[in-house]
Amino acid sequence: MLSKRTRIDVYLPEKKAKVYGRLRKAIESEFLFSFGGCTVIEGVRGLYLRSGEKPEEDLITRVYADMPFSLESRFEEVSAYADSIREAVDEALPEQSILVTVEEIYHSL
């Protein structure tokens, strides 16, 4: 049987500055205590073009958690939560290369 869930993902650049490590730990703790756990995947490769030049690569850490309800049942609440995560990231970091996504997924029970 499938059960609808909501997944929130945060994609963070892997950089040596301490602020990035502190932010990652804060997001991990937020997801851990809000949803009972999270998954952290390091070394995700991101590619992009800067002004039509040659491709550039960034290493990214993906942190995600699954919420125990469907997106449609709490859309406004989840939207506000994702916005608050994004705002916290914007305040903590000097760049805007952070991606926060939300999607509906299905767990097999």
C-alpha atoms as a PDB file:
ATOM      1  CA  MET A   1       0.000   0.000   0.000  1.00  0.00           C
ATOM      2  CA  LEU A   2       1.277   3.477  -0.855  1.00  0.00           C
ATOM      3  CA  SER A   3       1.064   6.427   1.510  1.00  0.00           C
ATOM      4  CA  LYS A   4       1.414  10.061   0.367  1.00  0.00           C
ATOM      5  CA  ARG A   5       4.179  12.044   2.033  1.00  0.00           C
ATOM      6  CA  THR A   6       5.820  15.410   1.508  1.00  0.00           C
ATOM      7  CA  ARG A   7       9.577  15.699   0.999  1.00  0.00           C
ATOM      8  CA  ILE A   8      11.580  18.855   1.615  1.00  0.00           C
ATOM      9  CA  ASP A   9      15.090  19.086   0.146  1.00  0.00           C
ATOM     10  CA  VAL A  10      17.829  21.622   0.762  1.00  0.00           C
ATOM     11  CA  TYR A  11      20.821  21.677  -1.588  1.00  0.00           C
ATOM     12  CA  LEU A  12      23.864  23.350   0.009  1.00  0.00           C
ATOM     13  CA  PRO A  13      27.218  24.080  -1.612  1.00  0.00           C
ATOM     14  CA  GLU A  14      30.147  22.222  -0.035  1.00  0.00           C
ATOM     15  CA  LYS A  15      32.498  25.017   0.944  1.00  0.00           C
ATOM     16  CA  LYS A  16      35.220  25.221   3.580  1.00  0.00           C
ATOM     17  CA  ALA A  17      33.927  28.357   5.326  1.00  0.00           C
ATOM     18  CA  LYS A  18      32.601  27.491   8.796  1.00  0.00           C
ATOM     19  CA  VAL A  19      29.254  29.173   8.149  1.00  0.00           C
ATOM     20  CA  TYR A  20      28.367  26.450   5.619  1.00  0.00           C
ATOM     21  CA  GLY A  21      29.064  23.665   8.112  1.00  0.00           C
ATOM     22  CA  ARG A  22      27.092  25.418  10.845  1.00  0.00           C
ATOM     23  CA  LEU A  23      24.152  25.966   8.503  1.00  0.00           C
ATOM     24  CA  ARG A  24      24.174  22.337   7.406  1.00  0.00           C
ATOM     25  CA  LYS A  25      24.161  21.154  11.027  1.00  0.00           C
ATOM     26  CA  ALA A  26      21.293  23.553  11.820  1.00  0.00           C
ATOM     27  CA  ILE A  27      19.209  22.207   8.921  1.00  0.00           C
ATOM     28  CA  GLU A  28      19.994  18.618   9.899  1.00  0.00           C
ATOM     29  CA  SER A  29      18.901  19.334  13.490  1.00  0.00           C
ATOM     30  CA  GLU A  30      15.764  21.123  12.324  1.00  0.00           C
ATOM     31  CA  PHE A  31      14.704  18.170  10.169  1.00  0.00           C
ATOM     32  CA  LEU A  32      15.749  15.601  12.769  1.00  0.00           C
ATOM     33  CA  PHE A  33      13.687  17.136  15.567  1.00  0.00           C
ATOM     34  CA  SER A  34      10.763  18.250  13.374  1.00  0.00           C
ATOM     35  CA  PHE A  35      10.285  15.043  11.385  1.00  0.00           C
ATOM     36  CA  GLY A  36      12.188  12.363  13.294  1.00  0.00           C
ATOM     37  CA  GLY A  37      15.090  12.098  10.870  1.00  0.00           C
ATOM     38  CA  CYS A  38      16.703  13.244   7.676  1.00  0.00           C
ATOM     39  CA  THR A  39      18.970  11.967   4.936  1.00  0.00           C
ATOM     40  CA  VAL A  40      22.274  13.635   4.065  1.00  0.00           C
ATOM     41  CA  ILE A  41      23.963  12.927   0.748  1.00  0.00           C
ATOM     42  CA  GLU A  42      27.386  14.516   0.273  1.00  0.00           C
ATOM     43  CA  GLY A  43      29.320  14.989  -2.922  1.00  0.00           C
ATOM     44  CA  VAL A  44      26.392  15.567  -5.267  1.00  0.00           C
ATOM     45  CA  ARG A  45      27.759  17.130  -8.434  1.00  0.00           C
ATOM     46  CA  GLY A  46      26.097  20.277  -9.771  1.00  0.00           C
ATOM     47  CA  LEU A  47      26.882  21.652 -13.224  1.00  0.00           C
ATOM     48  CA  TYR A  48      25.971  25.064 -14.616  1.00  0.00           C
ATOM     49  CA  LEU A  49      26.920  27.533 -17.311  1.00  0.00           C
ATOM     50  CA  ARG A  50      28.117  30.948 -16.283  1.00  0.00           C
ATOM     51  CA  SER A  51      27.270  33.494 -18.988  1.00  0.00           C
ATOM     52  CA  GLY A  52      27.538  30.940 -21.790  1.00  0.00           C
ATOM     53  CA  GLU A  53      31.109  30.059 -20.895  1.00  0.00           C
ATOM     54  CA  LYS A  54      32.394  26.580 -20.242  1.00  0.00           C
ATOM     55  CA  PRO A  55      30.536  24.407 -17.719  1.00  0.00           C
ATOM     56  CA  GLU A  56      31.387  24.925 -14.058  1.00  0.00           C
ATOM     57  CA  GLU A  57      31.007  22.337 -11.333  1.00  0.00           C
ATOM     58  CA  ASP A  58      30.047  22.631  -7.675  1.00  0.00           C
ATOM     59  CA  LEU A  59      29.934  19.938  -5.043  1.00  0.00           C
ATOM     60  CA  ILE A  60      26.656  19.993  -3.163  1.00  0.00           C
ATOM     61  CA  THR A  61      25.270  18.364  -0.038  1.00  0.00           C
ATOM     62  CA  ARG A  62      21.622  17.353  -0.219  1.00  0.00           C
ATOM     63  CA  VAL A  63      19.688  17.262   3.066  1.00  0.00           C
ATOM     64  CA  TYR A  64      16.115  16.034   2.948  1.00  0.00           C
ATOM     65  CA  ALA A  65      13.314  14.876   5.191  1.00  0.00           C
ATOM     66  CA  ASP A  66       9.907  13.345   4.648  1.00  0.00           C
ATOM     67  CA  MET A  67       6.897  14.835   6.384  1.00  0.00           C
ATOM     68  CA  PRO A  68       4.225  12.335   7.517  1.00  0.00           C
ATOM     69  CA  PHE A  69       1.368  13.907   5.514  1.00  0.00           C
ATOM     70  CA  SER A  70       0.419  14.725   1.934  1.00  0.00           C
ATOM     71  CA  LEU A  71       1.400  18.045   0.409  1.00  0.00           C
ATOM     72  CA  GLU A  72      -2.157  18.816  -0.648  1.00  0.00           C
ATOM     73  CA  SER A  73      -3.459  18.426   2.923  1.00  0.00           C
ATOM     74  CA  ARG A  74      -1.129  21.112   4.316  1.00  0.00           C
ATOM     75  CA  PHE A  75       0.029  23.065   1.282  1.00  0.00           C
ATOM     76  CA  GLU A  76      -0.010  26.543   2.904  1.00  0.00           C
ATOM     77  CA  GLU A  77       1.772  25.306   6.038  1.00  0.00           C
ATOM     78  CA  VAL A  78       4.469  23.507   4.023  1.00  0.00           C
ATOM     79  CA  SER A  79       4.898  26.527   1.742  1.00  0.00           C
ATOM     80  CA  ALA A  80       5.426  28.815   4.749  1.00  0.00           C
ATOM     81  CA  TYR A  81       7.860  26.301   6.284  1.00  0.00           C
ATOM     82  CA  ALA A  82       9.919  26.083   3.054  1.00  0.00           C
ATOM     83  CA  ASP A  83       9.945  29.892   2.879  1.00  0.00           C
ATOM     84  CA  SER A  84      11.229  30.085   6.466  1.00  0.00           C
ATOM     85  CA  ILE A  85      14.054  27.637   5.674  1.00  0.00           C
ATOM     86  CA  ARG A  86      14.956  29.703   2.599  1.00  0.00           C
ATOM     87  CA  GLU A  87      14.914  32.958   4.589  1.00  0.00           C
ATOM     88  CA  ALA A  88      17.172  31.471   7.286  1.00  0.00           C
ATOM     89  CA  VAL A  89      19.617  30.326   4.608  1.00  0.00           C
ATOM     90  CA  ASP A  90      19.546  33.737   2.906  1.00  0.00           C
ATOM     91  CA  GLU A  91      20.361  35.426   6.226  1.00  0.00           C
ATOM     92  CA  ALA A  92      23.185  33.011   7.043  1.00  0.00           C
ATOM     93  CA  LEU A  93      25.018  32.894   3.713  1.00  0.00           C
ATOM     94  CA  PRO A  94      26.567  35.550   1.482  1.00  0.00           C
ATOM     95  CA  GLU A  95      25.268  33.908  -1.717  1.00  0.00           C
ATOM     96  CA  GLN A  96      21.984  32.813  -3.194  1.00  0.00           C
ATOM     97  CA  SER A  97      22.990  29.454  -4.671  1.00  0.00           C
ATOM     98  CA  ILE A  98      20.891  27.421  -2.253  1.00  0.00           C
ATOM     99  CA  LEU A  99      17.927  25.449  -3.539  1.00  0.00           C
ATOM    100  CA  VAL A 100      14.945  24.453  -1.374  1.00  0.00           C
ATOM    101  CA  THR A 101      12.397  22.145  -2.996  1.00  0.00           C
ATOM    102  CA  VAL A 102       9.207  20.443  -1.889  1.00  0.00           C
ATOM    103  CA  GLU A 103       7.522  17.520  -3.607  1.00  0.00           C
ATOM    104  CA  GLU A 104       4.876  14.928  -2.964  1.00  0.00           C
ATOM    105  CA  ILE A 105       6.193  11.381  -2.805  1.00  0.00           C
ATOM    106  CA  TYR A 106       4.775   7.971  -1.959  1.00  0.00           C
ATOM    107  CA  HIS A 107       6.081   5.544   0.660  1.00  0.00           C
ATOM    108  CA  SER A 108       5.345   1.850   0.394  1.00  0.00           C
ATOM    109  CA  LEU A 109       3.956   0.636   3.709  1.00  0.00           C
END
